[in-house]
Amino acid sequence: MAWHYDLGGQQLGPVSDLELKEMLRSGKIKGDTLVWREGMKEWKSFAVAFPDDPPILSATQTTGTCVECGKTFSKEDLVVLNKNLVCAQCKPIFLQRMVEGAAVSGGAGIWREGKKLVTRSETPFPDRCVKCNQPANGFRLKRVLYWQHPAYYLLLLVNVLILLIVVLIVRKKAVLLVGLCEAHRQQRWMAIMACLIGVFAGLALIVGGVIYTSAWTMVGGILVCLAGLIWGVVKGRTIAASRIDKENVWVSGAGSAFLCEFPER
């Protein structure tokens, strides 16, 4: 049977059952790694797709990763719940979500701080819409996020060119693949289209104002351009980086239902 698997945001494969299980034993994939084969409606974690092959540590392994918080713990500090490795701190949250019937895997390495998600670059997001927590059915939107400390914007008082050069040098980058449901994919597409229509319509008005020497037409064109850009940014935005350091990225824009799926720190 041909399987595909998600590794660092890339969908790889096909591989056989035996090859996939060997990758689990070798540590290349984990119990919360998303896998898919023909006939499945959506991507599922390895632990769910292979209930008889839970990610239990082998005799030679001394550490493991908690499926909830993504932290590494010694073998003695982890328990197996619903075919997943869970640390003692995350155990109550994990059990509560099992009782409520919520998704209990696929979010390792992600947690929340208030209204922000915290994760690492290229950490796979669960197969849920980041805006409303509905199934994403395997869809992933690649978001390349940049961030620099706001203090650098003070260079705008000196020179715009200097600001741009400094920002290009000091800015930090993170790549995330987030899920979006069909409704939010369509909403984002419509926002992008409205933005493009507004910008091109505005440019047409500006050109017309120049040709016919109409200042009001040019002003109207500028306003239409700005309105299109603002609409596209506001309505088409999925997530944004509010901070990035060497290890983690703080993400804003996720919906409250999606946020509640993760442990808070």
Protein backbone atom coordinates (compact mmCIF):
# COMPACT_ATOMS: atom_id res chain seq x y z
CA MET A 1 0.00 0.00 0.00
CA ALA A 2 1.44 3.41 -1.03
CA TRP A 3 1.65 6.02 1.73
CA HIS A 4 2.58 9.69 1.64
CA TYR A 5 3.89 11.51 4.70
CA ASP A 6 4.44 15.11 5.82
CA LEU A 7 8.01 15.98 6.79
CA GLY A 8 8.87 19.57 7.59
CA GLY A 9 5.91 20.82 5.58
CA GLN A 10 6.78 18.73 2.50
CA GLN A 11 4.52 15.91 1.37
CA LEU A 12 6.80 12.99 0.50
CA GLY A 13 6.30 9.45 -0.78
CA PRO A 14 4.95 7.12 -1.87
CA VAL A 15 6.39 4.48 0.49
CA SER A 16 5.14 1.09 1.59
CA ASP A 17 3.71 0.17 4.99
CA LEU A 18 6.98 -1.45 6.01
CA GLU A 19 9.06 1.54 4.89
CA LEU A 20 6.81 3.93 6.83
CA LYS A 21 7.02 1.83 9.99
CA GLU A 22 10.79 1.58 9.64
CA MET A 23 11.00 5.38 9.43
CA LEU A 24 9.09 5.53 12.71
CA ARG A 25 11.48 3.10 14.39
CA SER A 26 14.52 4.99 13.05
CA GLY A 27 13.13 8.32 14.31
CA LYS A 28 12.77 9.94 10.87
CA ILE A 29 9.04 10.37 11.53
CA LYS A 30 7.06 10.42 14.76
CA GLY A 31 3.70 9.24 15.98
CA ASP A 32 2.16 12.65 15.24
CA THR A 33 3.55 12.81 11.67
CA LEU A 34 0.68 13.23 9.20
CA VAL A 35 0.27 10.41 6.67
CA TRP A 36 -2.15 9.74 3.80
CA ARG A 37 -2.99 7.06 1.26
CA GLU A 38 -5.52 6.80 -1.53
CA GLY A 39 -8.99 6.26 -0.12
CA MET A 40 -8.49 8.39 3.01
CA LYS A 41 -10.64 11.53 3.24
CA GLU A 42 -7.96 13.51 5.08
CA TRP A 43 -4.43 13.29 6.43
CA LYS A 44 -4.10 11.57 9.80
CA SER A 45 -1.28 11.13 12.26
CA PHE A 46 0.70 7.90 12.06
CA ALA A 47 -0.63 6.90 15.49
CA VAL A 48 -4.22 7.13 14.20
CA ALA A 49 -3.54 5.51 10.83
CA PHE A 50 -1.59 2.66 12.44
CA PRO A 51 -3.29 2.02 15.79
CA ASP A 52 -1.30 -1.20 16.24
CA ASP A 53 2.00 0.64 15.96
CA PRO A 54 1.97 3.30 18.70
CA PRO A 55 5.01 5.55 19.10
CA ILE A 56 6.23 3.71 22.20
CA LEU A 57 9.91 4.18 22.88
CA SER A 58 12.14 1.27 22.04
CA ALA A 59 14.48 -0.30 24.57
CA THR A 60 17.42 1.65 23.15
CA GLN A 61 15.71 5.06 23.32
CA THR A 62 16.13 7.12 26.47
CA THR A 63 14.13 10.22 25.47
CA GLY A 64 10.94 11.02 23.57
CA THR A 65 8.83 13.98 22.44
CA CYS A 66 5.50 14.93 23.98
CA VAL A 67 2.81 15.09 21.29
CA GLU A 68 1.18 18.08 23.02
CA CYS A 69 3.98 20.52 23.85
CA GLY A 70 6.71 19.16 21.58
CA LYS A 71 9.32 19.12 24.37
CA THR A 72 11.78 16.29 24.82
CA PHE A 73 11.61 14.28 28.05
CA SER A 74 13.28 11.22 29.49
CA LYS A 75 11.53 7.89 29.06
CA GLU A 76 10.46 7.90 32.73
CA ASP A 77 8.61 11.23 32.34
CA LEU A 78 6.40 10.12 29.41
CA VAL A 79 3.25 8.02 29.27
CA VAL A 80 1.41 6.50 26.30
CA LEU A 81 -2.16 7.77 25.92
CA ASN A 82 -4.32 6.95 22.92
CA LYS A 83 -1.19 5.74 21.09
CA ASN A 84 0.66 9.02 21.77
CA LEU A 85 3.55 9.99 24.05
CA VAL A 86 2.47 12.63 26.57
CA CYS A 87 4.39 14.35 29.38
CA ALA A 88 2.99 14.67 32.91
CA GLN A 89 2.24 18.38 32.52
CA CYS A 90 0.20 17.89 29.35
CA LYS A 91 -1.57 14.73 30.52
CA PRO A 92 -4.68 16.49 31.99
CA ILE A 93 -5.15 18.60 28.85
CA PHE A 94 -4.71 15.56 26.61
CA LEU A 95 -7.21 13.48 28.59
CA GLN A 96 -9.75 16.32 28.60
CA ARG A 97 -9.57 16.66 24.84
CA MET A 98 -10.01 12.91 24.47
CA VAL A 99 -13.18 13.12 26.57
CA GLU A 100 -14.46 16.04 24.48
CA GLY A 101 -13.68 14.22 21.24
CA ALA A 102 -11.26 16.91 20.07
CA ALA A 103 -8.18 16.25 17.95
CA VAL A 104 -5.44 14.90 20.16
CA SER A 105 -2.47 14.63 17.84
CA GLY A 106 -0.69 16.50 15.08
CA GLY A 107 0.10 19.63 17.09
CA ALA A 108 3.40 18.73 18.71
CA GLY A 109 5.71 21.69 19.13
CA ILE A 110 2.88 24.25 19.22
CA TRP A 111 1.49 26.03 22.26
CA ARG A 112 -0.21 29.34 23.04
CA GLU A 113 0.61 32.42 25.04
CA GLY A 114 -2.57 34.43 25.42
CA LYS A 115 -3.94 35.04 21.93
CA LYS A 116 -0.71 34.06 20.18
CA LEU A 117 0.56 30.68 19.01
CA VAL A 118 4.19 29.83 19.64
CA THR A 119 6.02 27.27 17.52
CA ARG A 120 9.21 26.68 15.56
CA SER A 121 9.80 27.36 11.90
CA GLU A 122 8.60 24.52 9.63
CA THR A 123 6.64 22.80 12.40
CA PRO A 124 3.64 21.07 10.73
CA PHE A 125 0.30 22.51 11.83
CA PRO A 126 -2.65 20.16 12.52
CA ASP A 127 -5.00 19.39 9.65
CA ARG A 128 -7.45 22.03 10.90
CA CYS A 129 -8.30 25.54 9.68
CA VAL A 130 -6.17 28.08 11.54
CA LYS A 131 -9.09 30.54 11.48
CA CYS A 132 -12.12 28.42 12.52
CA ASN A 133 -10.70 24.97 13.44
CA GLN A 134 -12.75 23.15 10.81
CA PRO A 135 -11.08 20.31 8.84
CA ALA A 136 -8.55 21.53 6.27
CA ASN A 137 -8.68 18.20 4.39
CA GLY A 138 -4.95 18.14 3.75
CA PHE A 139 -4.65 21.71 2.41
CA ARG A 140 -1.60 23.65 3.60
CA LEU A 141 -0.89 27.30 2.88
CA LYS A 142 2.82 28.13 2.94
CA ARG A 143 3.44 31.37 4.80
CA VAL A 144 6.90 32.93 4.80
CA LEU A 145 6.98 35.31 7.76
CA TYR A 146 9.51 38.07 8.50
CA TRP A 147 10.02 40.11 11.64
CA GLN A 148 12.40 42.72 12.98
CA HIS A 149 12.33 44.72 16.19
CA PRO A 150 10.07 47.80 15.84
CA ALA A 151 12.91 50.04 17.08
CA TYR A 152 14.55 49.74 13.67
CA TYR A 153 11.73 51.81 12.18
CA LEU A 154 13.26 54.85 13.87
CA LEU A 155 15.77 54.78 11.01
CA LEU A 156 12.93 56.08 8.85
CA LEU A 157 13.73 59.47 10.41
CA VAL A 158 17.23 59.21 8.95
CA ASN A 159 16.77 57.72 5.50
CA VAL A 160 14.32 55.31 3.89
CA LEU A 161 17.09 53.55 1.95
CA ILE A 162 19.11 52.97 5.13
CA LEU A 163 16.00 51.54 6.81
CA LEU A 164 15.44 49.09 3.93
CA ILE A 165 19.06 47.93 3.94
CA VAL A 166 19.13 47.40 7.71
CA VAL A 167 15.79 45.57 7.70
CA LEU A 168 16.99 43.20 4.96
CA ILE A 169 20.07 42.41 7.07
CA VAL A 170 18.54 42.02 10.55
CA ARG A 171 15.09 40.63 9.84
CA LYS A 172 14.33 37.08 10.97
CA LYS A 173 12.49 34.54 8.84
CA ALA A 174 10.11 31.66 9.63
CA VAL A 175 8.25 29.30 7.31
CA LEU A 176 4.93 27.83 8.42
CA LEU A 177 2.41 25.63 6.64
CA VAL A 178 -1.04 26.28 8.02
CA GLY A 179 -4.35 24.63 7.28
CA LEU A 180 -7.32 26.50 5.81
CA CYS A 181 -10.84 25.19 5.32
CA GLU A 182 -12.67 25.59 2.02
CA ALA A 183 -14.63 28.65 3.21
CA HIS A 184 -11.53 30.55 4.37
CA ARG A 185 -9.59 29.60 1.26
CA GLN A 186 -12.38 31.12 -0.83
CA GLN A 187 -12.53 34.21 1.40
CA ARG A 188 -8.77 34.73 1.01
CA TRP A 189 -8.98 34.30 -2.78
CA MET A 190 -11.82 36.82 -3.04
CA ALA A 191 -9.88 39.33 -0.91
CA ILE A 192 -6.83 38.98 -3.17
CA MET A 193 -8.99 39.47 -6.28
CA ALA A 194 -10.70 42.53 -4.77
CA CYS A 195 -7.28 43.95 -3.92
CA LEU A 196 -6.02 43.48 -7.48
CA ILE A 197 -9.18 44.98 -9.00
CA GLY A 198 -8.92 47.97 -6.68
CA VAL A 199 -5.25 48.57 -7.48
CA PHE A 200 -5.70 48.31 -11.26
CA ALA A 201 -8.83 50.46 -11.18
CA GLY A 202 -6.98 53.04 -9.12
CA LEU A 203 -4.04 53.07 -11.51
CA ALA A 204 -6.42 53.52 -14.43
CA LEU A 205 -7.98 56.54 -12.71
CA ILE A 206 -4.54 58.01 -12.00
CA VAL A 207 -3.50 57.62 -15.64
CA GLY A 208 -6.80 59.12 -16.75
CA GLY A 209 -6.28 62.05 -14.40
CA VAL A 210 -2.82 62.68 -15.86
CA ILE A 211 -4.11 62.50 -19.45
CA TYR A 212 -7.04 64.81 -18.82
CA THR A 213 -5.20 66.92 -16.20
CA SER A 214 -7.85 66.20 -13.58
CA ALA A 215 -6.48 66.45 -10.04
CA TRP A 216 -9.67 65.03 -8.53
CA THR A 217 -9.48 61.98 -10.78
CA MET A 218 -5.88 61.35 -9.69
CA VAL A 219 -6.79 61.75 -6.01
CA GLY A 220 -9.69 59.34 -6.49
CA GLY A 221 -7.34 56.84 -8.14
CA ILE A 222 -4.92 57.02 -5.21
CA LEU A 223 -7.76 56.47 -2.75
CA VAL A 224 -9.08 53.49 -4.71
CA CYS A 225 -5.56 51.96 -4.78
CA LEU A 226 -5.18 52.41 -1.03
CA ALA A 227 -8.65 50.99 -0.37
CA GLY A 228 -7.86 47.91 -2.47
CA LEU A 229 -4.55 47.34 -0.70
CA ILE A 230 -6.05 47.75 2.77
CA TRP A 231 -8.95 45.43 1.94
CA GLY A 232 -6.56 42.77 0.65
CA VAL A 233 -4.33 42.97 3.72
CA VAL A 234 -7.18 42.90 6.24
CA LYS A 235 -9.44 40.30 4.61
CA GLY A 236 -6.75 38.16 2.99
CA ARG A 237 -4.47 37.84 6.00
CA THR A 238 -4.17 34.44 7.61
CA ILE A 239 -1.40 34.72 10.22
CA ALA A 240 1.40 37.16 10.96
CA ALA A 241 4.59 37.06 13.00
CA SER A 242 4.53 39.22 16.11
CA ARG A 243 8.02 38.08 17.11
CA ILE A 244 10.72 35.70 15.87
CA ASP A 245 13.87 34.64 17.71
CA LYS A 246 16.51 31.95 17.11
CA GLU A 247 14.21 29.14 18.24
CA ASN A 248 10.54 30.18 18.15
CA VAL A 249 8.03 32.27 16.24
CA TRP A 250 5.07 34.00 17.89
CA VAL A 251 2.06 33.99 15.57
CA SER A 252 -1.00 36.23 15.65
CA GLY A 253 -4.21 35.88 13.65
CA ALA A 254 -5.28 32.36 14.64
CA GLY A 255 -8.97 31.91 15.57
CA SER A 256 -10.00 31.31 19.17
CA ALA A 257 -11.36 27.81 18.43
CA PHE A 258 -8.00 26.81 16.92
CA LEU A 259 -6.06 28.40 19.78
CA CYS A 260 -7.97 26.39 22.37
CA GLU A 261 -6.61 23.17 20.86
CA PHE A 262 -3.16 23.87 22.32
CA PRO A 263 -1.78 23.99 25.88
CA GLU A 264 -1.13 27.41 27.36
CA ARG A 265 2.15 28.43 28.94
